[in-house]
Amino acid sequence: MVTGLPFGARAQKAQQTRILRSALAAIRPDRPAAAFDLDSTILSNKPRQARIVREYGQLHGDSRLAACTPEAVRTWELRDTMRHCGLSDAEIAGIVQDIRGFWLERFFTSEYCKDDVQVPGARDYLREVLAAGGEILYITGRHQEMEKGTMEAFQRAGFPLPAGERVQLWLKPSMADDDDQWKEICQARLRELRAVACAFDNEPTHVNAYKRSFPDAVVVHLDTDHSRRPVEVDPGVPSIHDFLMESGA
């Protein structure tokens, strides 16, 4: 991935079904685990972000922010969202620190993450993983206090729910834990406990780590959005836009 490309520029839609099928084909009895990140991988948090901006707009009497839709949320940068809502750069500069604090108080909570929706095709693909004999491991940087809202989003999306060995949810112990370190801990745990067939994540840093840790697994990058750190996706890792597959392909 060339740093600075628009999100979605790396994935090629014509290759998506083949990539997704190859990940399913990698599942076998001695290698059953399929690891999925949540945010911007199988769940979109844009409705959550838009809700926070709307509430800020309502509180401060700004009708433009109060009308914020998920379509206005195109990156993790609040400045971009406010710009797409119609604010000028000068207006944004005047409130950006205040709205960031407002956002931080809400974004990492169960009350708000329950608004998340599935990335297109995710529900059906997760069911295909189970039908292929796989085990689903939801491995996320969300912390344990977000579990209730995460489960509500899972239920509304129709995702397989964590229950026993075949479907598990791995959450950070606390919000203060570093996401990268947590993913490293999870990958070490996977090496000890599971044989990984496939793994999906939107963060280049994390997909690259999966590729190093599990070179025989099918590791897939979700070309949705990410933290914009200057990290390129490993050339051997394919990218997809979502989980929609062509029928019969």
C-alpha atoms as a PDB file:
ATOM      1  CA  MET A   1       0.000   0.000   0.000  1.00  0.00           C
ATOM      2  CA  VAL A   2       1.382   3.390  -0.944  1.00  0.00           C
ATOM      3  CA  THR A   3       1.017   5.744   1.992  1.00  0.00           C
ATOM      4  CA  GLY A   4      -1.408   8.547   1.203  1.00  0.00           C
ATOM      5  CA  LEU A   5      -3.576   6.666  -1.291  1.00  0.00           C
ATOM      6  CA  PRO A   6      -7.310   7.099  -0.730  1.00  0.00           C
ATOM      7  CA  PHE A   7      -8.893   4.320   1.303  1.00  0.00           C
ATOM      8  CA  GLY A   8     -10.074   1.597  -1.035  1.00  0.00           C
ATOM      9  CA  ALA A   9      -7.430   2.243  -3.682  1.00  0.00           C
ATOM     10  CA  ARG A  10      -5.434  -0.940  -2.978  1.00  0.00           C
ATOM     11  CA  ALA A  11      -8.262  -3.488  -3.212  1.00  0.00           C
ATOM     12  CA  GLN A  12      -9.413  -4.746  -6.605  1.00  0.00           C
ATOM     13  CA  LYS A  13     -13.082  -5.675  -6.661  1.00  0.00           C
ATOM     14  CA  ALA A  14     -12.569  -8.279  -9.379  1.00  0.00           C
ATOM     15  CA  GLN A  15     -10.294 -10.264  -7.052  1.00  0.00           C
ATOM     16  CA  GLN A  16     -12.455 -10.079  -3.942  1.00  0.00           C
ATOM     17  CA  THR A  17     -14.475 -13.291  -4.336  1.00  0.00           C
ATOM     18  CA  ARG A  18     -11.341 -15.297  -5.105  1.00  0.00           C
ATOM     19  CA  ILE A  19      -9.584 -13.909  -2.015  1.00  0.00           C
ATOM     20  CA  LEU A  20     -12.528 -14.624   0.260  1.00  0.00           C
ATOM     21  CA  ARG A  21     -12.944 -18.137  -1.143  1.00  0.00           C
ATOM     22  CA  SER A  22      -9.249 -18.859  -0.634  1.00  0.00           C
ATOM     23  CA  ALA A  23      -9.569 -17.905   3.037  1.00  0.00           C
ATOM     24  CA  LEU A  24     -12.494 -20.292   3.461  1.00  0.00           C
ATOM     25  CA  ALA A  25     -10.588 -23.040   1.664  1.00  0.00           C
ATOM     26  CA  ALA A  26      -7.711 -22.674   4.134  1.00  0.00           C
ATOM     27  CA  ILE A  27      -9.945 -23.877   6.984  1.00  0.00           C
ATOM     28  CA  ARG A  28      -9.415 -27.534   7.867  1.00  0.00           C
ATOM     29  CA  PRO A  29      -9.675 -29.681  11.014  1.00  0.00           C
ATOM     30  CA  ASP A  30      -6.051 -29.173  12.016  1.00  0.00           C
ATOM     31  CA  ARG A  31      -6.146 -25.442  11.197  1.00  0.00           C
ATOM     32  CA  PRO A  32      -9.604 -24.136  12.119  1.00  0.00           C
ATOM     33  CA  ALA A  33      -9.138 -20.596  13.449  1.00  0.00           C
ATOM     34  CA  ALA A  34     -10.382 -17.549  11.535  1.00  0.00           C
ATOM     35  CA  ALA A  35      -9.418 -14.271  13.239  1.00  0.00           C
ATOM     36  CA  PHE A  36     -11.458 -11.113  12.654  1.00  0.00           C
ATOM     37  CA  ASP A  37     -10.832  -7.597  13.883  1.00  0.00           C
ATOM     38  CA  LEU A  38     -14.015  -5.580  14.533  1.00  0.00           C
ATOM     39  CA  ASP A  39     -13.813  -1.848  13.779  1.00  0.00           C
ATOM     40  CA  SER A  40     -13.534  -1.121  10.054  1.00  0.00           C
ATOM     41  CA  THR A  41     -13.169  -4.852   9.402  1.00  0.00           C
ATOM     42  CA  ILE A  42     -16.499  -6.579  10.040  1.00  0.00           C
ATOM     43  CA  LEU A  43     -18.207  -3.626  11.746  1.00  0.00           C
ATOM     44  CA  SER A  44     -18.513  -0.013  10.624  1.00  0.00           C
ATOM     45  CA  ASN A  45     -18.431   2.528  13.448  1.00  0.00           C
ATOM     46  CA  LYS A  46     -19.408   5.443  11.205  1.00  0.00           C
ATOM     47  CA  PRO A  47     -22.955   5.575  12.640  1.00  0.00           C
ATOM     48  CA  ARG A  48     -21.388   5.779  16.110  1.00  0.00           C
ATOM     49  CA  GLN A  49     -19.104   8.622  15.089  1.00  0.00           C
ATOM     50  CA  ALA A  50     -21.903  10.489  13.327  1.00  0.00           C
ATOM     51  CA  ARG A  51     -24.119  10.204  16.406  1.00  0.00           C
ATOM     52  CA  ILE A  52     -21.419  11.783  18.567  1.00  0.00           C
ATOM     53  CA  VAL A  53     -21.002  14.686  16.142  1.00  0.00           C
ATOM     54  CA  ARG A  54     -24.784  15.182  15.976  1.00  0.00           C
ATOM     55  CA  GLU A  55     -25.049  15.302  19.749  1.00  0.00           C
ATOM     56  CA  TYR A  56     -22.240  17.849  19.913  1.00  0.00           C
ATOM     57  CA  GLY A  57     -24.012  19.934  17.286  1.00  0.00           C
ATOM     58  CA  GLN A  58     -27.305  19.744  19.158  1.00  0.00           C
ATOM     59  CA  LEU A  59     -25.620  20.734  22.429  1.00  0.00           C
ATOM     60  CA  HIS A  60     -23.890  23.728  20.842  1.00  0.00           C
ATOM     61  CA  GLY A  61     -26.650  24.814  18.495  1.00  0.00           C
ATOM     62  CA  ASP A  62     -24.879  24.043  15.224  1.00  0.00           C
ATOM     63  CA  SER A  63     -27.458  22.675  12.799  1.00  0.00           C
ATOM     64  CA  ARG A  64     -24.795  21.518  10.350  1.00  0.00           C
ATOM     65  CA  LEU A  65     -23.145  19.223  12.897  1.00  0.00           C
ATOM     66  CA  ALA A  66     -26.555  18.239  14.287  1.00  0.00           C
ATOM     67  CA  ALA A  67     -27.398  16.850  10.834  1.00  0.00           C
ATOM     68  CA  CYS A  68     -24.203  14.765  10.529  1.00  0.00           C
ATOM     69  CA  THR A  69     -24.718  11.455   8.707  1.00  0.00           C
ATOM     70  CA  PRO A  70     -22.441   8.390   8.517  1.00  0.00           C
ATOM     71  CA  GLU A  71     -21.606   9.400   4.946  1.00  0.00           C
ATOM     72  CA  ALA A  72     -19.800  12.469   6.319  1.00  0.00           C
ATOM     73  CA  VAL A  73     -17.450  10.232   8.297  1.00  0.00           C
ATOM     74  CA  ARG A  74     -14.747   9.281   5.808  1.00  0.00           C
ATOM     75  CA  THR A  75     -11.655   9.072   8.016  1.00  0.00           C
ATOM     76  CA  TRP A  76     -10.782   8.943  11.705  1.00  0.00           C
ATOM     77  CA  GLU A  77      -9.991  12.674  11.626  1.00  0.00           C
ATOM     78  CA  LEU A  78     -12.764  14.798  13.121  1.00  0.00           C
ATOM     79  CA  ARG A  79     -11.594  17.764  11.068  1.00  0.00           C
ATOM     80  CA  ASP A  80     -12.519  15.845   7.904  1.00  0.00           C
ATOM     81  CA  THR A  81     -15.966  14.982   9.249  1.00  0.00           C
ATOM     82  CA  MET A  82     -16.689  18.577  10.233  1.00  0.00           C
ATOM     83  CA  ARG A  83     -15.490  19.795   6.842  1.00  0.00           C
ATOM     84  CA  HIS A  84     -17.893  17.396   5.116  1.00  0.00           C
ATOM     85  CA  CYS A  85     -20.663  18.743   7.350  1.00  0.00           C
ATOM     86  CA  GLY A  86     -20.027  22.225   5.934  1.00  0.00           C
ATOM     87  CA  LEU A  87     -17.792  23.950   8.495  1.00  0.00           C
ATOM     88  CA  SER A  88     -14.969  26.210   7.349  1.00  0.00           C
ATOM     89  CA  ASP A  89     -11.370  25.608   8.387  1.00  0.00           C
ATOM     90  CA  ALA A  90     -11.544  28.624  10.710  1.00  0.00           C
ATOM     91  CA  GLU A  91     -14.686  27.277  12.405  1.00  0.00           C
ATOM     92  CA  ILE A  92     -13.110  23.853  12.764  1.00  0.00           C
ATOM     93  CA  ALA A  93      -9.958  25.279  14.336  1.00  0.00           C
ATOM     94  CA  GLY A  94     -12.079  27.025  16.964  1.00  0.00           C
ATOM     95  CA  ILE A  95     -13.823  23.885  18.235  1.00  0.00           C
ATOM     96  CA  VAL A  96     -11.635  20.925  17.287  1.00  0.00           C
ATOM     97  CA  GLN A  97     -10.097  20.446  20.742  1.00  0.00           C
ATOM     98  CA  ASP A  98     -13.485  20.677  22.447  1.00  0.00           C
ATOM     99  CA  ILE A  99     -15.196  18.212  20.107  1.00  0.00           C
ATOM    100  CA  ARG A 100     -12.291  15.765  20.428  1.00  0.00           C
ATOM    101  CA  GLY A 101     -12.783  15.674  24.184  1.00  0.00           C
ATOM    102  CA  PHE A 102     -16.522  15.190  23.690  1.00  0.00           C
ATOM    103  CA  TRP A 103     -15.794  12.366  21.199  1.00  0.00           C
ATOM    104  CA  LEU A 104     -13.304  10.603  23.497  1.00  0.00           C
ATOM    105  CA  GLU A 105     -15.776  10.557  26.389  1.00  0.00           C
ATOM    106  CA  ARG A 106     -18.294   8.653  24.258  1.00  0.00           C
ATOM    107  CA  PHE A 107     -16.646   6.677  21.481  1.00  0.00           C
ATOM    108  CA  PHE A 108     -15.129   3.927  23.649  1.00  0.00           C
ATOM    109  CA  THR A 109     -18.345   3.068  25.498  1.00  0.00           C
ATOM    110  CA  SER A 110     -20.990   0.378  25.181  1.00  0.00           C
ATOM    111  CA  GLU A 111     -23.733   2.978  24.877  1.00  0.00           C
ATOM    112  CA  TYR A 112     -22.300   4.223  21.597  1.00  0.00           C
ATOM    113  CA  CYS A 113     -20.693   1.129  20.073  1.00  0.00           C
ATOM    114  CA  LYS A 114     -24.073  -0.598  20.036  1.00  0.00           C
ATOM    115  CA  ASP A 115     -24.858   1.632  17.026  1.00  0.00           C
ATOM    116  CA  ASP A 116     -22.255  -0.097  14.823  1.00  0.00           C
ATOM    117  CA  VAL A 117     -23.428  -1.882  11.677  1.00  0.00           C
ATOM    118  CA  GLN A 118     -21.999  -4.741   9.674  1.00  0.00           C
ATOM    119  CA  VAL A 119     -19.565  -4.195   6.830  1.00  0.00           C
ATOM    120  CA  PRO A 120     -21.448  -5.443   3.727  1.00  0.00           C
ATOM    121  CA  GLY A 121     -21.447  -9.232   3.508  1.00  0.00           C
ATOM    122  CA  ALA A 122     -19.823  -9.792   6.921  1.00  0.00           C
ATOM    123  CA  ARG A 123     -22.743 -11.666   8.497  1.00  0.00           C
ATOM    124  CA  ASP A 124     -23.034 -14.187   5.665  1.00  0.00           C
ATOM    125  CA  TYR A 125     -19.281 -14.644   5.465  1.00  0.00           C
ATOM    126  CA  LEU A 126     -18.983 -15.384   9.178  1.00  0.00           C
ATOM    127  CA  ARG A 127     -21.680 -18.019   8.778  1.00  0.00           C
ATOM    128  CA  GLU A 128     -19.726 -19.524   5.885  1.00  0.00           C
ATOM    129  CA  VAL A 129     -16.693 -19.783   8.156  1.00  0.00           C
ATOM    130  CA  LEU A 130     -18.701 -21.857  10.622  1.00  0.00           C
ATOM    131  CA  ALA A 131     -20.209 -23.951   7.824  1.00  0.00           C
ATOM    132  CA  ALA A 132     -16.674 -24.733   6.637  1.00  0.00           C
ATOM    133  CA  GLY A 133     -15.819 -26.095  10.087  1.00  0.00           C
ATOM    134  CA  GLY A 134     -13.959 -23.011  11.214  1.00  0.00           C
ATOM    135  CA  GLU A 135     -13.707 -21.318  14.579  1.00  0.00           C
ATOM    136  CA  ILE A 136     -14.366 -17.573  14.746  1.00  0.00           C
ATOM    137  CA  LEU A 137     -12.094 -15.470  16.922  1.00  0.00           C
ATOM    138  CA  TYR A 138     -13.171 -11.842  17.224  1.00  0.00           C
ATOM    139  CA  ILE A 139      -9.865 -10.181  18.192  1.00  0.00           C
ATOM    140  CA  THR A 140     -10.281  -6.486  18.882  1.00  0.00           C
ATOM    141  CA  GLY A 141      -8.700  -3.460  20.484  1.00  0.00           C
ATOM    142  CA  ARG A 142     -11.988  -2.772  22.261  1.00  0.00           C
ATOM    143  CA  HIS A 143     -11.791  -3.064  26.033  1.00  0.00           C
ATOM    144  CA  GLN A 144     -13.963  -5.176  28.306  1.00  0.00           C
ATOM    145  CA  GLU A 145     -16.297  -2.355  29.310  1.00  0.00           C
ATOM    146  CA  MET A 146     -17.444  -2.236  25.663  1.00  0.00           C
ATOM    147  CA  GLU A 147     -18.602  -5.859  25.673  1.00  0.00           C
ATOM    148  CA  LYS A 148     -22.307  -5.160  26.277  1.00  0.00           C
ATOM    149  CA  GLY A 149     -22.610  -2.707  23.393  1.00  0.00           C
ATOM    150  CA  THR A 150     -20.511  -4.926  21.141  1.00  0.00           C
ATOM    151  CA  MET A 151     -22.829  -7.862  21.794  1.00  0.00           C
ATOM    152  CA  GLU A 152     -25.860  -5.685  21.005  1.00  0.00           C
ATOM    153  CA  ALA A 153     -24.272  -4.733  17.675  1.00  0.00           C
ATOM    154  CA  PHE A 154     -23.490  -8.414  16.982  1.00  0.00           C
ATOM    155  CA  GLN A 155     -27.089  -9.407  17.667  1.00  0.00           C
ATOM    156  CA  ARG A 156     -28.534  -6.682  15.477  1.00  0.00           C
ATOM    157  CA  ALA A 157     -26.146  -7.584  12.647  1.00  0.00           C
ATOM    158  CA  GLY A 158     -26.943 -11.290  12.971  1.00  0.00           C
ATOM    159  CA  PHE A 159     -23.337 -12.268  13.690  1.00  0.00           C
ATOM    160  CA  PRO A 160     -22.516 -15.615  15.335  1.00  0.00           C
ATOM    161  CA  LEU A 161     -22.387 -14.865  19.047  1.00  0.00           C
ATOM    162  CA  PRO A 162     -19.468 -15.843  21.293  1.00  0.00           C
ATOM    163  CA  ALA A 163     -20.281 -19.170  22.901  1.00  0.00           C
ATOM    164  CA  GLY A 164     -17.758 -21.887  23.720  1.00  0.00           C
ATOM    165  CA  GLU A 165     -14.755 -22.806  21.604  1.00  0.00           C
ATOM    166  CA  ARG A 166     -16.198 -22.190  18.152  1.00  0.00           C
ATOM    167  CA  VAL A 167     -16.912 -18.476  18.569  1.00  0.00           C
ATOM    168  CA  GLN A 168     -14.881 -16.320  20.936  1.00  0.00           C
ATOM    169  CA  LEU A 169     -14.502 -12.602  21.647  1.00  0.00           C
ATOM    170  CA  TRP A 170     -11.087 -11.392  22.834  1.00  0.00           C
ATOM    171  CA  LEU A 171     -11.254  -7.916  24.401  1.00  0.00           C
ATOM    172  CA  LYS A 172      -8.480  -5.822  25.933  1.00  0.00           C
ATOM    173  CA  PRO A 173      -8.546  -5.930  29.749  1.00  0.00           C
ATOM    174  CA  SER A 174      -8.668  -2.122  29.971  1.00  0.00           C
ATOM    175  CA  MET A 175      -8.964   0.923  27.740  1.00  0.00           C
ATOM    176  CA  ALA A 176      -5.433   2.039  28.719  1.00  0.00           C
ATOM    177  CA  ASP A 177      -3.829  -1.052  27.160  1.00  0.00           C
ATOM    178  CA  ASP A 178      -2.015  -0.342  23.895  1.00  0.00           C
ATOM    179  CA  ASP A 179      -3.804  -1.740  20.825  1.00  0.00           C
ATOM    180  CA  ASP A 180      -0.622  -2.901  19.084  1.00  0.00           C
ATOM    181  CA  GLN A 181       0.694  -4.629  22.199  1.00  0.00           C
ATOM    182  CA  TRP A 182      -2.694  -6.257  22.761  1.00  0.00           C
ATOM    183  CA  LYS A 183      -2.738  -7.645  19.222  1.00  0.00           C
ATOM    184  CA  GLU A 184       0.799  -8.987  19.780  1.00  0.00           C
ATOM    185  CA  ILE A 185      -0.384 -10.696  22.972  1.00  0.00           C
ATOM    186  CA  CYS A 186      -3.315 -12.198  21.091  1.00  0.00           C
ATOM    187  CA  GLN A 187      -1.090 -13.470  18.293  1.00  0.00           C
ATOM    188  CA  ALA A 188       1.257 -15.082  20.812  1.00  0.00           C
ATOM    189  CA  ARG A 189      -1.770 -16.706  22.413  1.00  0.00           C
ATOM    190  CA  LEU A 190      -2.934 -17.900  19.004  1.00  0.00           C
ATOM    191  CA  ARG A 191       0.436 -19.507  18.331  1.00  0.00           C
ATOM    192  CA  GLU A 192       0.076 -21.471  21.550  1.00  0.00           C
ATOM    193  CA  LEU A 193      -3.599 -22.385  21.349  1.00  0.00           C
ATOM    194  CA  ARG A 194      -4.777 -22.349  17.739  1.00  0.00           C
ATOM    195  CA  ALA A 195      -3.697 -23.114  14.203  1.00  0.00           C
ATOM    196  CA  VAL A 196      -4.735 -20.060  12.179  1.00  0.00           C
ATOM    197  CA  ALA A 197      -6.335 -20.599   8.776  1.00  0.00           C
ATOM    198  CA  CYS A 198      -7.089 -16.951   7.971  1.00  0.00           C
ATOM    199  CA  ALA A 199      -7.050 -13.496   9.527  1.00  0.00           C
ATOM    200  CA  PHE A 200      -8.715 -10.191   8.617  1.00  0.00           C
ATOM    201  CA  ASP A 201      -7.795  -6.681   9.816  1.00  0.00           C
ATOM    202  CA  ASN A 202      -7.893  -3.113   8.494  1.00  0.00           C
ATOM    203  CA  GLU A 203      -4.679  -1.885  10.126  1.00  0.00           C
ATOM    204  CA  PRO A 204      -1.550  -2.406   7.998  1.00  0.00           C
ATOM    205  CA  THR A 205       0.542  -2.853  11.156  1.00  0.00           C
ATOM    206  CA  HIS A 206      -1.696  -5.670  12.326  1.00  0.00           C
ATOM    207  CA  VAL A 207      -2.072  -7.541   9.034  1.00  0.00           C
ATOM    208  CA  ASN A 208       1.690  -7.423   8.572  1.00  0.00           C
ATOM    209  CA  ALA A 209       2.146  -8.908  12.046  1.00  0.00           C
ATOM    210  CA  TYR A 210      -0.334 -11.687  11.226  1.00  0.00           C
ATOM    211  CA  LYS A 211       1.603 -12.434   8.040  1.00  0.00           C
ATOM    212  CA  ARG A 212       4.881 -12.720   9.969  1.00  0.00           C
ATOM    213  CA  SER A 213       3.374 -14.820  12.747  1.00  0.00           C
ATOM    214  CA  PHE A 214       1.333 -17.124  10.507  1.00  0.00           C
ATOM    215  CA  PRO A 215       3.036 -17.314   7.094  1.00  0.00           C
ATOM    216  CA  ASP A 216       0.879 -20.276   5.987  1.00  0.00           C
ATOM    217  CA  ALA A 217      -2.411 -18.517   6.803  1.00  0.00           C
ATOM    218  CA  VAL A 218      -4.466 -16.463   4.347  1.00  0.00           C
ATOM    219  CA  VAL A 219      -4.094 -12.950   5.762  1.00  0.00           C
ATOM    220  CA  VAL A 220      -6.423 -10.318   4.288  1.00  0.00           C
ATOM    221  CA  HIS A 221      -6.393  -6.540   4.579  1.00  0.00           C
ATOM    222  CA  LEU A 222      -9.701  -4.629   4.712  1.00  0.00           C
ATOM    223  CA  ASP A 223      -9.135  -1.533   2.603  1.00  0.00           C
ATOM    224  CA  THR A 224     -11.661   0.570   4.504  1.00  0.00           C
ATOM    225  CA  ASP A 225      -9.904   3.052   6.779  1.00  0.00           C
ATOM    226  CA  HIS A 226      -7.126   2.940   9.343  1.00  0.00           C
ATOM    227  CA  SER A 227      -5.014   5.089  11.653  1.00  0.00           C
ATOM    228  CA  ARG A 228      -2.969   6.550   8.770  1.00  0.00           C
ATOM    229  CA  ARG A 229       0.367   5.560  10.278  1.00  0.00           C
ATOM    230  CA  PRO A 230       3.028   5.481   7.531  1.00  0.00           C
ATOM    231  CA  VAL A 231       3.018   1.692   7.215  1.00  0.00           C
ATOM    232  CA  GLU A 232       2.606  -0.145   3.931  1.00  0.00           C
ATOM    233  CA  VAL A 233       0.700  -3.421   3.698  1.00  0.00           C
ATOM    234  CA  ASP A 234       2.994  -6.387   3.026  1.00  0.00           C
ATOM    235  CA  PRO A 235       2.981  -7.003  -0.764  1.00  0.00           C
ATOM    236  CA  GLY A 236       1.979 -10.605  -0.097  1.00  0.00           C
ATOM    237  CA  VAL A 237      -1.225  -9.583   1.703  1.00  0.00           C
ATOM    238  CA  PRO A 238      -4.279  -9.055  -0.543  1.00  0.00           C
ATOM    239  CA  SER A 239      -6.878  -6.356   0.102  1.00  0.00           C
ATOM    240  CA  ILE A 240     -10.669  -6.391  -0.135  1.00  0.00           C
ATOM    241  CA  HIS A 241     -13.355  -3.707   0.161  1.00  0.00           C
ATOM    242  CA  ASP A 242     -15.903  -5.786   2.105  1.00  0.00           C
ATOM    243  CA  PHE A 243     -17.194  -9.372   2.361  1.00  0.00           C
ATOM    244  CA  LEU A 244     -19.561  -9.473  -0.584  1.00  0.00           C
ATOM    245  CA  MET A 245     -18.971 -12.416  -2.943  1.00  0.00           C
ATOM    246  CA  GLU A 246     -20.279 -13.085  -6.415  1.00  0.00           C
ATOM    247  CA  SER A 247     -22.700 -15.992  -6.413  1.00  0.00           C
ATOM    248  CA  GLY A 248     -21.340 -19.111  -8.041  1.00  0.00           C
ATOM    249  CA  ALA A 249     -17.832 -17.701  -8.258  1.00  0.00           C
END
